[in-house]
Amino acid sequence: MKLLDRIALTILILAGLHLLASGIFDINVIEMMFGTVESTGAKVVYGIIGVSALWCLKYYGYTPEGGSRLRGR
């Protein structure tokens, strides 16, 4: 699972950098690479970003010391 966690976090970091570039420089890298938002390639990329975000929601259950808050329940 560690590999999948790292992949999901990497995708979210890249998506955040994409939003930064889009907001500051008005450059949409995904549209430049895959065409308009309606194209299949762009939809797949945005879908992967969304699934990565859902996957990383599990980190809200972790404590700063490590492990899960829900372990003893």
PDB file of N, CA and C in Angstrom:
ATOM      1  N   MET A   1       0.799  -1.202   0.000  1.00  0.00           N
ATOM      2  CA  MET A   1       0.000   0.000   0.000  1.00  0.00           C
ATOM      3  C   MET A   1       0.842   1.267   0.000  1.00  0.00           C
ATOM      4  N   LYS A   2       2.058   1.164   0.490  1.00  0.00           N
ATOM      5  CA  LYS A   2       2.891   2.365   0.537  1.00  0.00           C
ATOM      6  C   LYS A   2       3.133   2.923  -0.863  1.00  0.00           C
ATOM      7  N   LEU A   3       3.312   2.047  -1.846  1.00  0.00           N
ATOM      8  CA  LEU A   3       3.544   2.511  -3.209  1.00  0.00           C
ATOM      9  C   LEU A   3       2.317   3.242  -3.736  1.00  0.00           C
ATOM     10  N   LEU A   4       1.138   2.695  -3.499  1.00  0.00           N
ATOM     11  CA  LEU A   4      -0.095   3.331  -3.955  1.00  0.00           C
ATOM     12  C   LEU A   4      -0.313   4.671  -3.250  1.00  0.00           C
ATOM     13  N   ASP A   5       0.027   4.736  -1.966  1.00  0.00           N
ATOM     14  CA  ASP A   5      -0.073   5.994  -1.223  1.00  0.00           C
ATOM     15  C   ASP A   5       0.844   7.058  -1.817  1.00  0.00           C
ATOM     16  N   ARG A   6       2.057   6.666  -2.136  1.00  0.00           N
ATOM     17  CA  ARG A   6       3.021   7.623  -2.701  1.00  0.00           C
ATOM     18  C   ARG A   6       2.607   8.083  -4.095  1.00  0.00           C
ATOM     19  N   ILE A   7       2.060   7.171  -4.876  1.00  0.00           N
ATOM     20  CA  ILE A   7       1.587   7.545  -6.214  1.00  0.00           C
ATOM     21  C   ILE A   7       0.437   8.538  -6.099  1.00  0.00           C
ATOM     22  N   ALA A   8      -0.507   8.266  -5.195  1.00  0.00           N
ATOM     23  CA  ALA A   8      -1.648   9.157  -5.016  1.00  0.00           C
ATOM     24  C   ALA A   8      -1.198  10.536  -4.541  1.00  0.00           C
ATOM     25  N   LEU A   9      -0.263  10.581  -3.593  1.00  0.00           N
ATOM     26  CA  LEU A   9       0.249  11.866  -3.116  1.00  0.00           C
ATOM     27  C   LEU A   9       0.998  12.619  -4.209  1.00  0.00           C
ATOM     28  N   THR A  10       1.760  11.913  -5.016  1.00  0.00           N
ATOM     29  CA  THR A  10       2.489  12.545  -6.114  1.00  0.00           C
ATOM     30  C   THR A  10       1.524  13.149  -7.124  1.00  0.00           C
ATOM     31  N   ILE A  11       0.462  12.411  -7.434  1.00  0.00           N
ATOM     32  CA  ILE A  11      -0.531  12.933  -8.371  1.00  0.00           C
ATOM     33  C   ILE A  11      -1.189  14.186  -7.809  1.00  0.00           C
ATOM     34  N   LEU A  12      -1.498  14.183  -6.514  1.00  0.00           N
ATOM     35  CA  LEU A  12      -2.112  15.366  -5.916  1.00  0.00           C
ATOM     36  C   LEU A  12      -1.157  16.556  -5.880  1.00  0.00           C
ATOM     37  N   ILE A  13       0.114  16.304  -5.646  1.00  0.00           N
ATOM     38  CA  ILE A  13       1.097  17.399  -5.668  1.00  0.00           C
ATOM     39  C   ILE A  13       1.201  17.983  -7.073  1.00  0.00           C
ATOM     40  N   LEU A  14       1.259  17.121  -8.081  1.00  0.00           N
ATOM     41  CA  LEU A  14       1.301  17.610  -9.466  1.00  0.00           C
ATOM     42  C   LEU A  14       0.029  18.369  -9.828  1.00  0.00           C
ATOM     43  N   ALA A  15      -1.109  17.893  -9.340  1.00  0.00           N
ATOM     44  CA  ALA A  15      -2.365  18.598  -9.600  1.00  0.00           C
ATOM     45  C   ALA A  15      -2.368  19.969  -8.924  1.00  0.00           C
ATOM     46  N   GLY A  16      -1.790  20.041  -7.728  1.00  0.00           N
ATOM     47  CA  GLY A  16      -1.688  21.337  -7.058  1.00  0.00           C
ATOM     48  C   GLY A  16      -0.783  22.301  -7.809  1.00  0.00           C
ATOM     49  N   LEU A  17       0.318  21.793  -8.343  1.00  0.00           N
ATOM     50  CA  LEU A  17       1.200  22.638  -9.154  1.00  0.00           C
ATOM     51  C   LEU A  17       0.498  23.072 -10.442  1.00  0.00           C
ATOM     52  N   HIS A  18      -0.310  22.184 -10.988  1.00  0.00           N
ATOM     53  CA  HIS A  18      -1.096  22.532 -12.173  1.00  0.00           C
ATOM     54  C   HIS A  18      -2.059  23.673 -11.852  1.00  0.00           C
ATOM     55  N   LEU A  19      -2.721  23.609 -10.704  1.00  0.00           N
ATOM     56  CA  LEU A  19      -3.630  24.682 -10.320  1.00  0.00           C
ATOM     57  C   LEU A  19      -2.880  25.985 -10.066  1.00  0.00           C
ATOM     58  N   LEU A  20      -1.686  25.882  -9.501  1.00  0.00           N
ATOM     59  CA  LEU A  20      -0.863  27.074  -9.295  1.00  0.00           C
ATOM     60  C   LEU A  20      -0.518  27.726 -10.624  1.00  0.00           C
ATOM     61  N   ALA A  21      -0.066  26.929 -11.587  1.00  0.00           N
ATOM     62  CA  ALA A  21       0.270  27.466 -12.908  1.00  0.00           C
ATOM     63  C   ALA A  21      -0.955  28.021 -13.603  1.00  0.00           C
ATOM     64  N   SER A  22      -2.079  27.357 -13.414  1.00  0.00           N
ATOM     65  CA  SER A  22      -3.319  27.818 -14.037  1.00  0.00           C
ATOM     66  C   SER A  22      -3.774  29.143 -13.427  1.00  0.00           C
ATOM     67  N   GLY A  23      -3.629  29.268 -12.128  1.00  0.00           N
ATOM     68  CA  GLY A  23      -4.070  30.495 -11.464  1.00  0.00           C
ATOM     69  C   GLY A  23      -3.156  31.678 -11.682  1.00  0.00           C
ATOM     70  N   ILE A  24      -1.857  31.453 -11.622  1.00  0.00           N
ATOM     71  CA  ILE A  24      -0.912  32.564 -11.718  1.00  0.00           C
ATOM     72  C   ILE A  24      -0.607  32.928 -13.166  1.00  0.00           C
ATOM     73  N   PHE A  25      -0.343  31.925 -13.987  1.00  0.00           N
ATOM     74  CA  PHE A  25       0.117  32.184 -15.345  1.00  0.00           C
ATOM     75  C   PHE A  25      -0.941  31.949 -16.420  1.00  0.00           C
ATOM     76  N   ASP A  26      -2.128  31.507 -16.013  1.00  0.00           N
ATOM     77  CA  ASP A  26      -3.218  31.202 -16.942  1.00  0.00           C
ATOM     78  C   ASP A  26      -2.784  30.169 -17.982  1.00  0.00           C
ATOM     79  N   ILE A  27      -2.084  29.136 -17.493  1.00  0.00           N
ATOM     80  CA  ILE A  27      -1.616  28.042 -18.349  1.00  0.00           C
ATOM     81  C   ILE A  27      -2.284  26.756 -17.861  1.00  0.00           C
ATOM     82  N   ASN A  28      -3.005  26.087 -18.738  1.00  0.00           N
ATOM     83  CA  ASN A  28      -3.623  24.813 -18.389  1.00  0.00           C
ATOM     84  C   ASN A  28      -2.830  23.703 -19.073  1.00  0.00           C
ATOM     85  N   VAL A  29      -1.948  23.081 -18.321  1.00  0.00           N
ATOM     86  CA  VAL A  29      -1.025  22.083 -18.863  1.00  0.00           C
ATOM     87  C   VAL A  29      -1.779  20.862 -19.379  1.00  0.00           C
ATOM     88  N   ILE A  30      -2.815  20.442 -18.668  1.00  0.00           N
ATOM     89  CA  ILE A  30      -3.565  19.259 -19.087  1.00  0.00           C
ATOM     90  C   ILE A  30      -4.253  19.504 -20.421  1.00  0.00           C
ATOM     91  N   GLU A  31      -4.835  20.679 -20.592  1.00  0.00           N
ATOM     92  CA  GLU A  31      -5.459  20.998 -21.879  1.00  0.00           C
ATOM     93  C   GLU A  31      -4.415  21.132 -22.981  1.00  0.00           C
ATOM     94  N   MET A  32      -3.236  21.617 -22.645  1.00  0.00           N
ATOM     95  CA  MET A  32      -2.180  21.712 -23.651  1.00  0.00           C
ATOM     96  C   MET A  32      -1.749  20.320 -24.120  1.00  0.00           C
ATOM     97  N   MET A  33      -1.727  19.356 -23.204  1.00  0.00           N
ATOM     98  CA  MET A  33      -1.266  18.016 -23.549  1.00  0.00           C
ATOM     99  C   MET A  33      -2.361  17.157 -24.180  1.00  0.00           C
ATOM    100  N   PHE A  34      -3.601  17.282 -23.688  1.00  0.00           N
ATOM    101  CA  PHE A  34      -4.648  16.360 -24.097  1.00  0.00           C
ATOM    102  C   PHE A  34      -5.789  17.001 -24.869  1.00  0.00           C
ATOM    103  N   GLY A  35      -5.755  18.287 -25.067  1.00  0.00           N
ATOM    104  CA  GLY A  35      -6.847  18.955 -25.771  1.00  0.00           C
ATOM    105  C   GLY A  35      -7.806  19.593 -24.782  1.00  0.00           C
ATOM    106  N   THR A  36      -9.010  19.873 -25.246  1.00  0.00           N
ATOM    107  CA  THR A  36      -9.986  20.562 -24.403  1.00  0.00           C
ATOM    108  C   THR A  36     -10.452  19.673 -23.259  1.00  0.00           C
ATOM    109  N   VAL A  37     -11.195  20.262 -22.341  1.00  0.00           N
ATOM    110  CA  VAL A  37     -11.689  19.529 -21.180  1.00  0.00           C
ATOM    111  C   VAL A  37     -12.635  18.412 -21.611  1.00  0.00           C
ATOM    112  N   GLU A  38     -13.294  18.578 -22.735  1.00  0.00           N
ATOM    113  CA  GLU A  38     -14.238  17.572 -23.210  1.00  0.00           C
ATOM    114  C   GLU A  38     -13.562  16.358 -23.848  1.00  0.00           C
ATOM    115  N   SER A  39     -12.263  16.431 -24.115  1.00  0.00           N
ATOM    116  CA  SER A  39     -11.572  15.301 -24.752  1.00  0.00           C
ATOM    117  C   SER A  39     -11.425  14.146 -23.766  1.00  0.00           C
ATOM    118  N   THR A  40     -11.316  12.963 -24.301  1.00  0.00           N
ATOM    119  CA  THR A  40     -11.237  11.764 -23.478  1.00  0.00           C
ATOM    120  C   THR A  40      -9.970  11.750 -22.619  1.00  0.00           C
ATOM    121  N   GLY A  41      -8.846  12.180 -23.170  1.00  0.00           N
ATOM    122  CA  GLY A  41      -7.592  12.183 -22.414  1.00  0.00           C
ATOM    123  C   GLY A  41      -7.661  13.086 -21.198  1.00  0.00           C
ATOM    124  N   ALA A  42      -8.225  14.270 -21.372  1.00  0.00           N
ATOM    125  CA  ALA A  42      -8.346  15.202 -20.247  1.00  0.00           C
ATOM    126  C   ALA A  42      -9.313  14.656 -19.201  1.00  0.00           C
ATOM    127  N   LYS A  43     -10.385  14.030 -19.633  1.00  0.00           N
ATOM    128  CA  LYS A  43     -11.340  13.452 -18.680  1.00  0.00           C
ATOM    129  C   LYS A  43     -10.697  12.346 -17.861  1.00  0.00           C
ATOM    130  N   VAL A  44      -9.859  11.536 -18.504  1.00  0.00           N
ATOM    131  CA  VAL A  44      -9.164  10.458 -17.790  1.00  0.00           C
ATOM    132  C   VAL A  44      -8.207  11.050 -16.760  1.00  0.00           C
ATOM    133  N   VAL A  45      -7.451  12.073 -17.149  1.00  0.00           N
ATOM    134  CA  VAL A  45      -6.497  12.694 -16.216  1.00  0.00           C
ATOM    135  C   VAL A  45      -7.220  13.309 -15.029  1.00  0.00           C
ATOM    136  N   TYR A  46      -8.302  14.047 -15.288  1.00  0.00           N
ATOM    137  CA  TYR A  46      -9.065  14.640 -14.192  1.00  0.00           C
ATOM    138  C   TYR A  46      -9.708  13.561 -13.324  1.00  0.00           C
ATOM    139  N   GLY A  47     -10.116  12.455 -13.911  1.00  0.00           N
ATOM    140  CA  GLY A  47     -10.654  11.341 -13.136  1.00  0.00           C
ATOM    141  C   GLY A  47      -9.609  10.719 -12.231  1.00  0.00           C
ATOM    142  N   ILE A  48      -8.389  10.556 -12.740  1.00  0.00           N
ATOM    143  CA  ILE A  48      -7.291  10.009 -11.929  1.00  0.00           C
ATOM    144  C   ILE A  48      -6.973  10.935 -10.766  1.00  0.00           C
ATOM    145  N   ILE A  49      -6.996  12.230 -11.018  1.00  0.00           N
ATOM    146  CA  ILE A  49      -6.749  13.196  -9.945  1.00  0.00           C
ATOM    147  C   ILE A  49      -7.840  13.089  -8.881  1.00  0.00           C
ATOM    148  N   GLY A  50      -9.078  12.950  -9.294  1.00  0.00           N
ATOM    149  CA  GLY A  50     -10.179  12.824  -8.343  1.00  0.00           C
ATOM    150  C   GLY A  50     -10.088  11.563  -7.516  1.00  0.00           C
ATOM    151  N   VAL A  51      -9.748  10.454  -8.139  1.00  0.00           N
ATOM    152  CA  VAL A  51      -9.598   9.191  -7.403  1.00  0.00           C
ATOM    153  C   VAL A  51      -8.433   9.289  -6.424  1.00  0.00           C
ATOM    154  N   SER A  52      -7.359   9.958  -6.817  1.00  0.00           N
ATOM    155  CA  SER A  52      -6.225  10.148  -5.906  1.00  0.00           C
ATOM    156  C   SER A  52      -6.630  10.969  -4.692  1.00  0.00           C
ATOM    157  N   ALA A  53      -7.438  11.991  -4.915  1.00  0.00           N
ATOM    158  CA  ALA A  53      -7.905  12.810  -3.798  1.00  0.00           C
ATOM    159  C   ALA A  53      -8.778  11.989  -2.854  1.00  0.00           C
ATOM    160  N   LEU A  54      -9.653  11.164  -3.402  1.00  0.00           N
ATOM    161  CA  LEU A  54     -10.483  10.311  -2.556  1.00  0.00           C
ATOM    162  C   LEU A  54      -9.623   9.316  -1.776  1.00  0.00           C
ATOM    163  N   TRP A  55      -8.606   8.770  -2.420  1.00  0.00           N
ATOM    164  CA  TRP A  55      -7.719   7.822  -1.749  1.00  0.00           C
ATOM    165  C   TRP A  55      -7.007   8.476  -0.570  1.00  0.00           C
ATOM    166  N   CYS A  56      -6.599   9.731  -0.742  1.00  0.00           N
ATOM    167  CA  CYS A  56      -5.831  10.414   0.302  1.00  0.00           C
ATOM    168  C   CYS A  56      -6.697  10.936   1.444  1.00  0.00           C
ATOM    169  N   LEU A  57      -8.008  10.831   1.335  1.00  0.00           N
ATOM    170  CA  LEU A  57      -8.872  11.226   2.450  1.00  0.00           C
ATOM    171  C   LEU A  57      -8.619  10.364   3.685  1.00  0.00           C
ATOM    172  N   LYS A  58      -8.074   9.194   3.492  1.00  0.00           N
ATOM    173  CA  LYS A  58      -7.807   8.303   4.625  1.00  0.00           C
ATOM    174  C   LYS A  58      -6.783   8.894   5.591  1.00  0.00           C
ATOM    175  N   TYR A  59      -5.995   9.852   5.146  1.00  0.00           N
ATOM    176  CA  TYR A  59      -4.984  10.442   6.019  1.00  0.00           C
ATOM    177  C   TYR A  59      -5.578  11.288   7.128  1.00  0.00           C
ATOM    178  N   TYR A  60      -6.848  11.633   7.044  1.00  0.00           N
ATOM    179  CA  TYR A  60      -7.479  12.373   8.134  1.00  0.00           C
ATOM    180  C   TYR A  60      -7.667  11.507   9.371  1.00  0.00           C
ATOM    181  N   GLY A  61      -7.592  10.208   9.221  1.00  0.00           N
ATOM    182  CA  GLY A  61      -7.731   9.311  10.358  1.00  0.00           C
ATOM    183  C   GLY A  61      -6.433   9.023  11.079  1.00  0.00           C
ATOM    184  N   TYR A  62      -5.325   9.583  10.634  1.00  0.00           N
ATOM    185  CA  TYR A  62      -4.025   9.318  11.245  1.00  0.00           C
ATOM    186  C   TYR A  62      -3.677  10.379  12.281  1.00  0.00           C
ATOM    187  N   THR A  63      -2.931   9.973  13.306  1.00  0.00           N
ATOM    188  CA  THR A  63      -2.480  10.889  14.343  1.00  0.00           C
ATOM    189  C   THR A  63      -1.057  11.335  14.032  1.00  0.00           C
ATOM    190  N   PRO A  64      -0.603  12.410  14.631  1.00  0.00           N
ATOM    191  CA  PRO A  64       0.783  12.857  14.391  1.00  0.00           C
ATOM    192  C   PRO A  64       1.824  11.838  14.861  1.00  0.00           C
ATOM    193  N   GLU A  65       1.492  11.012  15.843  1.00  0.00           N
ATOM    194  CA  GLU A  65       2.442  10.018  16.335  1.00  0.00           C
ATOM    195  C   GLU A  65       2.518   8.803  15.421  1.00  0.00           C
ATOM    196  N   GLY A  66       1.620   8.702  14.481  1.00  0.00           N
ATOM    197  CA  GLY A  66       1.569   7.546  13.600  1.00  0.00           C
ATOM    198  C   GLY A  66       0.455   6.599  14.011  1.00  0.00           C
ATOM    199  N   GLY A  67      -0.043   5.897  13.074  1.00  0.00           N
ATOM    200  CA  GLY A  67      -1.139   4.967  13.364  1.00  0.00           C
ATOM    201  C   GLY A  67      -2.487   5.638  13.226  1.00  0.00           C
ATOM    202  N   SER A  68      -3.512   4.868  13.478  1.00  0.00           N
ATOM    203  CA  SER A  68      -4.873   5.343  13.292  1.00  0.00           C
ATOM    204  C   SER A  68      -5.503   5.744  14.601  1.00  0.00           C
ATOM    205  N   ARG A  69      -6.335   6.771  14.567  1.00  0.00           N
ATOM    206  CA  ARG A  69      -7.090   7.173  15.746  1.00  0.00           C
ATOM    207  C   ARG A  69      -8.155   6.138  16.083  1.00  0.00           C
ATOM    208  N   LEU A  70      -8.561   5.377  15.099  1.00  0.00           N
ATOM    209  CA  LEU A  70      -9.667   4.444  15.278  1.00  0.00           C
ATOM    210  C   LEU A  70      -9.208   3.049  15.671  1.00  0.00           C
ATOM    211  N   ARG A  71      -7.934   2.866  15.972  1.00  0.00           N
ATOM    212  CA  ARG A  71      -7.369   1.536  16.218  1.00  0.00           C
ATOM    213  C   ARG A  71      -8.018   0.836  17.406  1.00  0.00           C
ATOM    214  N   GLY A  72      -8.279   1.488  18.509  1.00  0.00           N
ATOM    215  CA  GLY A  72      -8.802   0.849  19.712  1.00  0.00           C
ATOM    216  C   GLY A  72     -10.309   0.709  19.741  1.00  0.00           C
ATOM    217  N   ARG A  73     -11.002   1.129  18.734  1.00  0.00           N
ATOM    218  CA  ARG A  73     -12.468   1.114  18.756  1.00  0.00           C
ATOM    219  C   ARG A  73     -13.048  -0.115  18.169  1.00  0.00           C
TER     220      ARG A  73
END
